[in-house]
N, C-alpha and C. Protein backbone atom coordinates (compact mmCIF):
# COMPACT_ATOMS: atom_id res chain seq x y z
N MET A 1 0.96 -1.12 -0.12
CA MET A 1 -0.13 -0.16 -0.03
C MET A 1 0.99 1.44 -0.11
N LYS A 2 0.43 2.02 -0.51
CA LYS A 2 1.19 3.51 -0.68
C LYS A 2 0.80 4.08 0.33
N LYS A 3 1.57 5.09 1.01
CA LYS A 3 1.45 6.43 1.92
C LYS A 3 1.48 7.58 1.12
N VAL A 4 0.71 8.43 1.52
CA VAL A 4 0.39 9.64 0.82
C VAL A 4 0.55 10.50 1.81
N GLN A 5 1.63 11.77 1.57
CA GLN A 5 1.84 12.65 2.64
C GLN A 5 0.54 13.88 2.01
N VAL A 6 0.25 14.42 3.24
CA VAL A 6 -0.79 15.58 3.51
C VAL A 6 -0.09 16.53 4.11
N LYS A 7 -0.18 17.68 3.41
CA LYS A 7 0.20 19.06 4.15
C LYS A 7 -0.71 19.29 5.25
N ALA A 8 -0.42 19.50 6.65
CA ALA A 8 -1.36 20.19 7.40
C ALA A 8 -0.22 21.44 8.12
N LYS A 9 -0.57 22.49 7.87
CA LYS A 9 -0.03 23.62 8.18
C LYS A 9 1.65 23.19 7.77
N LYS A 10 2.54 23.58 8.72
CA LYS A 10 4.04 23.09 8.32
C LYS A 10 4.51 21.77 8.81
N GLU A 11 3.58 20.99 9.19
CA GLU A 11 3.78 19.25 9.34
C GLU A 11 3.56 18.38 8.33
N ASP A 12 3.83 17.13 8.57
CA ASP A 12 3.36 16.15 7.30
C ASP A 12 2.34 15.70 8.43
N ALA A 13 1.53 14.99 7.59
CA ALA A 13 0.47 13.92 8.44
C ALA A 13 0.52 12.32 7.33
N THR A 14 0.64 11.67 7.97
CA THR A 14 0.76 10.48 7.09
C THR A 14 -0.33 9.49 7.14
N ILE A 15 -1.09 9.14 5.87
CA ILE A 15 -2.18 8.58 5.69
C ILE A 15 -1.86 7.28 5.50
N ILE A 16 -2.39 6.27 6.11
CA ILE A 16 -2.04 4.81 6.21
C ILE A 16 -3.10 3.73 6.34
N PRO A 17 -3.31 2.85 5.22
CA PRO A 17 -4.53 2.08 5.75
C PRO A 17 -4.41 1.36 7.21
N ARG A 18 -5.32 0.99 7.90
CA ARG A 18 -5.65 0.35 8.87
C ARG A 18 -5.13 -0.94 8.91
N SER A 19 -5.13 -1.73 8.08
CA SER A 19 -4.62 -2.99 7.49
C SER A 19 -3.11 -2.67 8.00
N GLU A 20 -2.37 -1.70 7.38
CA GLU A 20 -0.92 -1.74 7.34
C GLU A 20 -0.25 -1.38 8.67
N TYR A 21 -1.43 -0.58 9.45
CA TYR A 21 -0.60 0.22 10.87
C TYR A 21 -0.76 -1.04 11.90
N PHE A 22 -1.76 -1.90 11.74
CA PHE A 22 -2.08 -2.96 12.51
C PHE A 22 -1.59 -4.02 12.18
N GLY A 23 -0.70 -4.30 11.05
CA GLY A 23 0.24 -5.69 10.73
C GLY A 23 -0.84 -6.68 9.90
N GLY A 24 -1.89 -6.23 9.56
CA GLY A 24 -2.84 -6.93 8.63
C GLY A 24 -3.94 -7.57 9.59
N TYR A 25 -4.07 -7.27 11.23
CA TYR A 25 -5.21 -7.63 11.71
C TYR A 25 -6.24 -6.85 11.70
N ASP A 26 -7.16 -7.39 11.76
CA ASP A 26 -8.75 -6.84 11.98
C ASP A 26 -9.68 -7.43 13.08
N ILE A 27 -10.68 -6.59 13.17
CA ILE A 27 -11.91 -7.48 13.94
C ILE A 27 -13.48 -7.05 13.03
N LYS A 28 -14.03 -7.99 13.51
CA LYS A 28 -15.35 -8.29 12.87
C LYS A 28 -16.23 -8.75 13.46
N ASN A 29 -17.86 -8.36 13.50
CA ASN A 29 -18.75 -8.98 14.35
C ASN A 29 -18.52 -8.54 15.95
N VAL A 30 -18.45 -7.31 16.07
CA VAL A 30 -18.60 -6.65 17.24
C VAL A 30 -19.82 -6.54 17.69
N LYS A 31 -19.74 -7.19 19.08
CA LYS A 31 -21.59 -7.24 19.55
C LYS A 31 -21.17 -6.49 20.76
N LYS A 32 -21.95 -5.65 21.49
CA LYS A 32 -21.70 -4.81 22.28
C LYS A 32 -22.77 -5.38 23.50
N PHE A 33 -22.35 -5.23 24.94
CA PHE A 33 -23.14 -5.98 25.80
C PHE A 33 -22.91 -4.99 27.20
N LYS A 34 -24.14 -5.26 28.20
CA LYS A 34 -23.83 -4.50 29.40
C LYS A 34 -22.99 -5.52 30.26
N GLY A 35 -22.18 -4.91 31.24
CA GLY A 35 -21.40 -5.49 32.19
C GLY A 35 -22.38 -5.42 33.59
N HIS A 36 -21.73 -5.82 34.47
CA HIS A 36 -22.11 -6.05 36.09
C HIS A 36 -22.74 -4.42 36.27
N GLY A 37 -22.05 -3.81 36.01
CA GLY A 37 -22.57 -2.41 36.35
C GLY A 37 -23.21 -1.47 35.42
N SER A 38 -23.59 -2.14 34.72
CA SER A 38 -24.35 -1.30 33.43
C SER A 38 -23.59 -0.61 32.13
N GLU A 39 -22.04 -0.74 32.51
CA GLU A 39 -21.21 -0.39 31.59
C GLU A 39 -21.36 -0.71 30.17
N THR A 40 -21.09 -0.47 29.06
CA THR A 40 -21.01 -1.05 27.78
C THR A 40 -19.64 -1.65 27.57
N LEU A 41 -19.74 -2.90 27.39
CA LEU A 41 -18.60 -3.86 27.07
C LEU A 41 -18.82 -4.14 25.59
N PHE A 42 -17.75 -4.89 24.83
CA PHE A 42 -17.56 -5.48 23.57
C PHE A 42 -16.94 -6.94 23.51
N GLN A 43 -17.49 -7.56 22.40
CA GLN A 43 -16.79 -8.88 22.15
C GLN A 43 -16.53 -8.77 20.56
N CYS A 44 -15.41 -9.44 20.27
CA CYS A 44 -15.67 -9.52 18.58
C CYS A 44 -14.86 -10.66 18.40
N SER A 45 -14.45 -11.13 16.77
CA SER A 45 -13.82 -11.89 16.26
C SER A 45 -12.70 -11.25 15.66
N VAL A 46 -11.49 -11.54 16.19
CA VAL A 46 -10.30 -11.31 15.43
C VAL A 46 -9.79 -11.93 14.23
N TYR A 47 -9.40 -11.19 13.30
CA TYR A 47 -8.92 -11.53 11.95
C TYR A 47 -7.53 -11.65 11.40
N LYS A 48 -6.69 -12.10 10.58
CA LYS A 48 -5.21 -11.57 10.27
C LYS A 48 -5.63 -11.90 8.90
N ASP A 49 -5.45 -10.98 7.87
CA ASP A 49 -5.36 -11.04 6.29
C ASP A 49 -6.61 -11.87 6.02
N SER A 50 -7.87 -11.39 6.50
CA SER A 50 -9.09 -12.45 6.21
C SER A 50 -9.41 -13.51 6.82
N SER A 51 -8.35 -14.24 7.17
CA SER A 51 -8.66 -15.41 8.05
C SER A 51 -9.05 -15.24 9.58
N LYS A 52 -10.02 -16.00 10.19
CA LYS A 52 -10.19 -15.68 11.28
C LYS A 52 -9.15 -16.48 12.66
N ILE A 53 -8.53 -15.93 13.58
CA ILE A 53 -7.71 -16.67 14.11
C ILE A 53 -7.84 -16.50 15.80
N GLY A 54 -8.95 -15.80 16.18
CA GLY A 54 -9.21 -16.06 17.35
C GLY A 54 -10.76 -14.90 17.80
N PHE A 55 -10.87 -14.99 19.01
CA PHE A 55 -11.90 -14.19 20.04
C PHE A 55 -11.39 -13.07 20.69
N PHE A 56 -12.27 -12.23 21.11
CA PHE A 56 -11.76 -11.34 22.10
C PHE A 56 -12.92 -10.99 22.92
N SER A 57 -13.27 -10.69 24.25
CA SER A 57 -14.01 -10.18 24.86
C SER A 57 -13.90 -9.75 26.06
N GLU A 58 -14.49 -8.35 26.71
CA GLU A 58 -14.01 -7.67 27.84
C GLU A 58 -14.95 -8.72 28.46
N ASP A 59 -14.66 -8.60 30.06
CA ASP A 59 -15.52 -9.12 31.24
C ASP A 59 -16.43 -8.61 31.53
N ALA A 60 -17.48 -9.25 31.95
CA ALA A 60 -18.77 -8.55 32.24
C ALA A 60 -18.32 -8.00 34.04
N TRP A 61 -17.71 -8.65 34.26
CA TRP A 61 -17.20 -8.25 36.12
C TRP A 61 -16.01 -7.50 36.04
N VAL A 62 -15.86 -6.77 34.94
CA VAL A 62 -14.51 -5.91 35.02
C VAL A 62 -13.15 -6.35 35.50
N GLY A 63 -13.19 -7.49 34.91
CA GLY A 63 -12.11 -8.09 35.62
C GLY A 63 -10.93 -8.22 34.03
N TYR A 64 -10.13 -8.92 34.18
CA TYR A 64 -9.76 -9.49 32.71
C TYR A 64 -9.86 -9.60 31.74
N VAL A 65 -9.67 -9.47 30.71
CA VAL A 65 -10.28 -9.22 29.30
C VAL A 65 -9.94 -10.72 29.09
N ASN A 66 -10.97 -11.37 28.09
CA ASN A 66 -10.97 -12.79 27.71
C ASN A 66 -10.27 -12.63 25.96
N TYR A 67 -9.73 -13.53 25.68
CA TYR A 67 -9.09 -13.83 24.41
C TYR A 67 -8.38 -15.23 24.28
N ASP A 68 -8.67 -15.80 22.89
CA ASP A 68 -8.54 -17.27 22.72
C ASP A 68 -7.79 -17.04 21.20
N PHE A 69 -6.60 -17.05 21.30
CA PHE A 69 -5.68 -16.58 19.64
C PHE A 69 -5.15 -17.94 19.57
N LYS A 70 -4.49 -18.07 18.05
CA LYS A 70 -3.69 -19.07 17.99
C LYS A 70 -2.27 -18.44 18.32
N PRO A 71 -1.46 -19.33 19.00
CA PRO A 71 -0.16 -19.10 19.82
C PRO A 71 0.83 -18.07 18.82
N LYS A 72 0.87 -18.68 17.69
CA LYS A 72 1.70 -17.46 17.06
C LYS A 72 1.15 -16.09 16.66
N ASP A 73 -0.52 -16.20 16.71
CA ASP A 73 -1.05 -14.83 16.16
C ASP A 73 -0.80 -13.98 17.85
N GLU A 74 -0.97 -14.68 18.80
CA GLU A 74 -0.79 -13.70 20.32
C GLU A 74 0.65 -13.02 20.37
N LYS A 75 1.58 -14.06 19.83
CA LYS A 75 3.00 -13.81 19.96
C LYS A 75 3.20 -12.43 18.52
N ALA A 76 2.58 -12.37 17.91
CA ALA A 76 2.92 -11.33 16.85
C ALA A 76 1.99 -10.18 17.21
N ILE A 77 0.70 -10.45 17.63
CA ILE A 77 -0.14 -9.14 18.33
C ILE A 77 0.40 -8.15 19.33
N LEU A 78 1.20 -9.10 20.09
CA LEU A 78 2.03 -8.64 21.43
C LEU A 78 3.19 -7.43 20.89
N LYS A 79 3.65 -8.22 19.57
CA LYS A 79 4.87 -7.90 19.17
C LYS A 79 4.43 -6.14 18.55
N ILE A 80 3.45 -6.12 17.63
CA ILE A 80 2.92 -5.02 17.07
C ILE A 80 2.57 -4.19 18.11
N ALA A 81 1.78 -4.75 19.36
CA ALA A 81 1.40 -4.06 20.41
C ALA A 81 2.68 -3.09 20.99
N LYS A 82 3.59 -3.70 21.16
CA LYS A 82 4.97 -2.95 21.69
C LYS A 82 5.86 -2.19 21.08
N LYS A 83 5.38 -2.49 19.80
CA LYS A 83 6.04 -1.23 18.82
C LYS A 83 4.90 -0.05 18.84
N ILE A 84 3.86 -0.42 18.92
CA ILE A 84 2.79 0.68 18.75
C ILE A 84 2.93 1.44 20.49
N TYR A 85 3.02 1.17 21.13
CA TYR A 85 2.09 1.58 22.43
C TYR A 85 3.67 1.83 23.62
N GLY A 86 4.65 0.93 23.42
CA GLY A 86 5.69 0.85 24.01
C GLY A 86 5.98 -0.50 24.98
N LYS A 87 6.91 -0.77 25.78
CA LYS A 87 6.79 -1.79 26.69
C LYS A 87 5.79 -2.50 26.89
N LEU A 88 5.13 -1.79 27.92
CA LEU A 88 3.93 -2.58 28.53
C LEU A 88 2.70 -2.38 27.94
N ALA A 89 2.56 -3.39 26.74
CA ALA A 89 1.47 -3.21 25.74
C ALA A 89 0.52 -4.50 25.87
N PRO A 90 -0.22 -4.35 26.70
CA PRO A 90 -1.55 -5.60 26.76
C PRO A 90 -2.16 -5.48 25.45
N ILE A 91 -2.72 -6.62 24.90
CA ILE A 91 -3.47 -6.96 23.91
C ILE A 91 -4.67 -6.08 23.64
N GLU A 92 -5.24 -5.98 24.70
CA GLU A 92 -6.78 -5.07 24.92
C GLU A 92 -6.33 -3.73 24.30
N LEU A 93 -5.31 -3.18 24.82
CA LEU A 93 -5.33 -1.58 23.75
C LEU A 93 -5.29 -1.90 22.16
N PHE A 94 -4.39 -2.99 22.08
CA PHE A 94 -4.35 -3.27 20.45
C PHE A 94 -5.83 -3.40 19.92
N ILE A 95 -6.46 -4.20 20.88
CA ILE A 95 -8.05 -4.62 20.02
C ILE A 95 -9.05 -3.25 20.02
N ASN A 96 -8.69 -2.53 21.33
CA ASN A 96 -9.43 -1.52 21.41
C ASN A 96 -9.29 -0.37 20.53
N ASP A 97 -8.29 -0.16 19.83
CA ASP A 97 -8.00 0.60 19.03
C ASP A 97 -8.45 0.06 17.23
N LEU A 98 -8.37 -1.32 17.43
CA LEU A 98 -8.89 -1.94 16.18
C LEU A 98 -10.40 -1.59 16.04
N VAL A 99 -10.88 -1.75 17.17
CA VAL A 99 -12.31 -1.17 17.25
C VAL A 99 -12.80 0.04 16.88
N ALA A 100 -11.97 1.19 17.65
CA ALA A 100 -12.20 2.41 17.53
C ALA A 100 -11.92 3.21 16.11
N THR A 101 -11.02 2.23 15.23
CA THR A 101 -10.71 3.07 13.92
C THR A 101 -11.33 2.15 13.08
N LYS A 102 -12.41 1.22 13.53
CA LYS A 102 -13.38 0.54 12.52
C LYS A 102 -14.98 1.66 12.15
N ASN A 103 -14.80 2.54 13.07
CA ASN A 103 -16.06 3.69 13.02
C ASN A 103 -15.72 4.37 11.33
N LYS A 104 -16.80 4.12 10.48
CA LYS A 104 -16.26 4.63 9.35
C LYS A 104 -17.10 6.24 8.97
N LYS A 105 -17.60 6.63 9.99
CA LYS A 105 -18.38 7.91 10.14
C LYS A 105 -17.17 8.91 10.58
N LYS A 106 -16.37 8.68 10.94
CA LYS A 106 -14.92 9.70 11.30
C LYS A 106 -13.56 9.37 10.65
N THR A 107 -13.09 10.05 10.82
CA THR A 107 -11.41 9.46 10.47
C THR A 107 -10.57 9.57 11.51
N TRP A 108 -9.84 8.57 11.75
CA TRP A 108 -9.11 8.53 12.86
C TRP A 108 -7.81 8.62 12.70
N ILE A 109 -7.23 9.35 13.60
CA ILE A 109 -5.71 10.03 13.79
C ILE A 109 -5.19 9.61 14.91
N LYS A 110 -3.79 9.13 14.77
CA LYS A 110 -3.09 9.02 15.65
C LYS A 110 -1.72 9.98 16.03
N VAL A 111 -1.95 10.93 17.06
CA VAL A 111 -1.02 11.95 17.05
C VAL A 111 -0.24 11.78 18.54
N LYS A 112 1.18 11.26 18.59
CA LYS A 112 2.23 10.86 19.16
C LYS A 112 1.40 9.58 19.90
N ASP A 113 0.93 9.75 21.27
CA ASP A 113 0.53 8.66 21.84
C ASP A 113 -1.17 8.68 21.88
N ASN A 114 -1.63 9.30 21.19
CA ASN A 114 -3.11 9.50 21.53
C ASN A 114 -3.92 9.21 20.18
N LEU A 115 -5.15 8.72 20.56
CA LEU A 115 -6.12 8.20 19.28
C LEU A 115 -6.99 9.14 19.15
N LEU A 116 -7.30 9.95 18.45
CA LEU A 116 -8.06 10.82 18.00
C LEU A 116 -9.06 10.88 16.95
N SER A 117 -10.48 11.42 16.83
CA SER A 117 -11.06 11.49 15.31
C SER A 117 -11.30 12.79 15.05
N ILE A 118 -11.17 13.06 13.95
CA ILE A 118 -11.90 13.98 13.14
C ILE A 118 -13.17 13.79 12.60
N ASN A 119 -13.95 14.60 12.88
CA ASN A 119 -15.57 14.24 12.21
C ASN A 119 -15.86 14.38 11.04
N VAL A 120 -15.06 13.99 10.20
CA VAL A 120 -15.00 14.13 8.66
C VAL A 120 -15.09 12.58 7.98
N PRO A 121 -15.86 12.25 7.59
CA PRO A 121 -15.55 10.61 7.18
C PRO A 121 -14.40 10.42 5.90
N TRP A 122 -13.90 9.81 5.72
CA TRP A 122 -12.89 9.29 4.94
C TRP A 122 -13.79 9.07 3.49
N LYS A 123 -13.56 10.00 2.58
CA LYS A 123 -13.95 9.66 1.44
C LYS A 123 -13.40 9.61 0.07
N GLY A 124 -11.97 9.05 0.41
CA GLY A 124 -11.11 8.96 -0.61
C GLY A 124 -10.41 10.04 -0.99
N ASN A 125 -11.05 11.40 -0.62
CA ASN A 125 -10.94 12.63 -0.65
C ASN A 125 -9.82 13.53 0.10
N GLU A 126 -8.59 13.74 0.09
CA GLU A 126 -7.76 14.37 1.09
C GLU A 126 -8.04 15.86 1.20
N GLU A 127 -8.81 16.60 0.58
CA GLU A 127 -9.02 18.13 0.83
C GLU A 127 -9.90 18.27 2.01
N SER A 128 -10.84 17.30 2.17
CA SER A 128 -11.86 17.46 3.35
C SER A 128 -10.74 17.11 4.72
N ILE A 129 -9.69 16.26 4.51
CA ILE A 129 -8.84 15.64 5.59
C ILE A 129 -8.03 16.95 5.80
N LYS A 130 -7.41 17.42 4.93
CA LYS A 130 -6.53 18.47 4.81
C LYS A 130 -7.37 19.75 5.61
N LYS A 131 -8.57 19.93 5.21
CA LYS A 131 -9.30 21.45 6.04
C LYS A 131 -9.34 20.97 7.37
N ALA A 132 -9.66 19.94 7.75
CA ALA A 132 -10.07 19.41 9.35
C ALA A 132 -8.84 19.39 9.85
N LEU A 133 -7.58 18.86 9.34
CA LEU A 133 -6.10 19.23 10.30
C LEU A 133 -5.64 20.53 10.27
N LYS A 134 -5.99 21.63 8.98
CA LYS A 134 -5.67 22.71 9.56
C LYS A 134 -6.61 23.40 10.56
N LYS A 135 -7.58 23.22 10.76
CA LYS A 135 -8.40 23.68 11.84
C LYS A 135 -8.08 23.31 13.19
N LYS A 136 -7.66 21.88 13.18
CA LYS A 136 -7.07 21.56 14.57
C LYS A 136 -5.95 21.74 14.96
N ASN A 137 -5.23 22.07 13.77
CA ASN A 137 -3.46 22.47 13.75
C ASN A 137 -2.81 21.01 14.36
N ILE A 138 -3.25 20.18 13.68
CA ILE A 138 -2.24 18.86 13.79
C ILE A 138 -1.30 18.58 13.25
N LYS A 139 -0.35 17.98 14.40
CA LYS A 139 1.13 17.89 13.48
C LYS A 139 1.40 16.37 13.65
N ASN A 140 2.25 16.36 12.74
CA ASN A 140 2.98 14.92 12.81
C ASN A 140 1.97 13.55 13.19
N ALA A 141 0.69 13.67 12.46
CA ALA A 141 -0.40 12.62 12.76
C ALA A 141 -0.23 11.71 11.55
N ILE A 142 -0.91 10.33 12.01
CA ILE A 142 -0.95 9.14 11.48
C ILE A 142 -2.21 8.89 10.94
N ILE A 143 -3.01 9.19 9.75
CA ILE A 143 -4.17 8.87 9.63
C ILE A 143 -4.75 7.39 9.08
N PHE A 144 -5.69 7.25 9.69
CA PHE A 144 -6.35 5.66 9.33
C PHE A 144 -7.40 5.96 8.21
N ILE A 145 -7.20 5.11 7.45
CA ILE A 145 -8.20 5.10 6.28
C ILE A 145 -8.52 3.42 5.98
């Protein structure tokens, strides 16, 4: 996949496909449910290059997350997560970002260590993103498409 540079004021923002950033991993079948304290939680299937490799679920009693991945994929996800988030990179951060960036109504950007959204849908049109970046004065962002 080709990376495209978009000028935002004097800094560059890199537009990158989600699949490339997350190492080919993606989620499908996201289902929301209520936890013990009525908080909204989710569960989903996890895929690598269109093949299902496991399952992820938040715990209804706000305990540890539950997941079941093939061992090689668990190691690969942890390796990518450490590259993205640093030394202490639990799998749930990685999956939460996959779920967040799946929202097609917004364009998701990563600025330093923060995942943010711009209320502009990605339409394959860089102009709308350029305008939104200029308004927010975003510097050195990764933009997921």
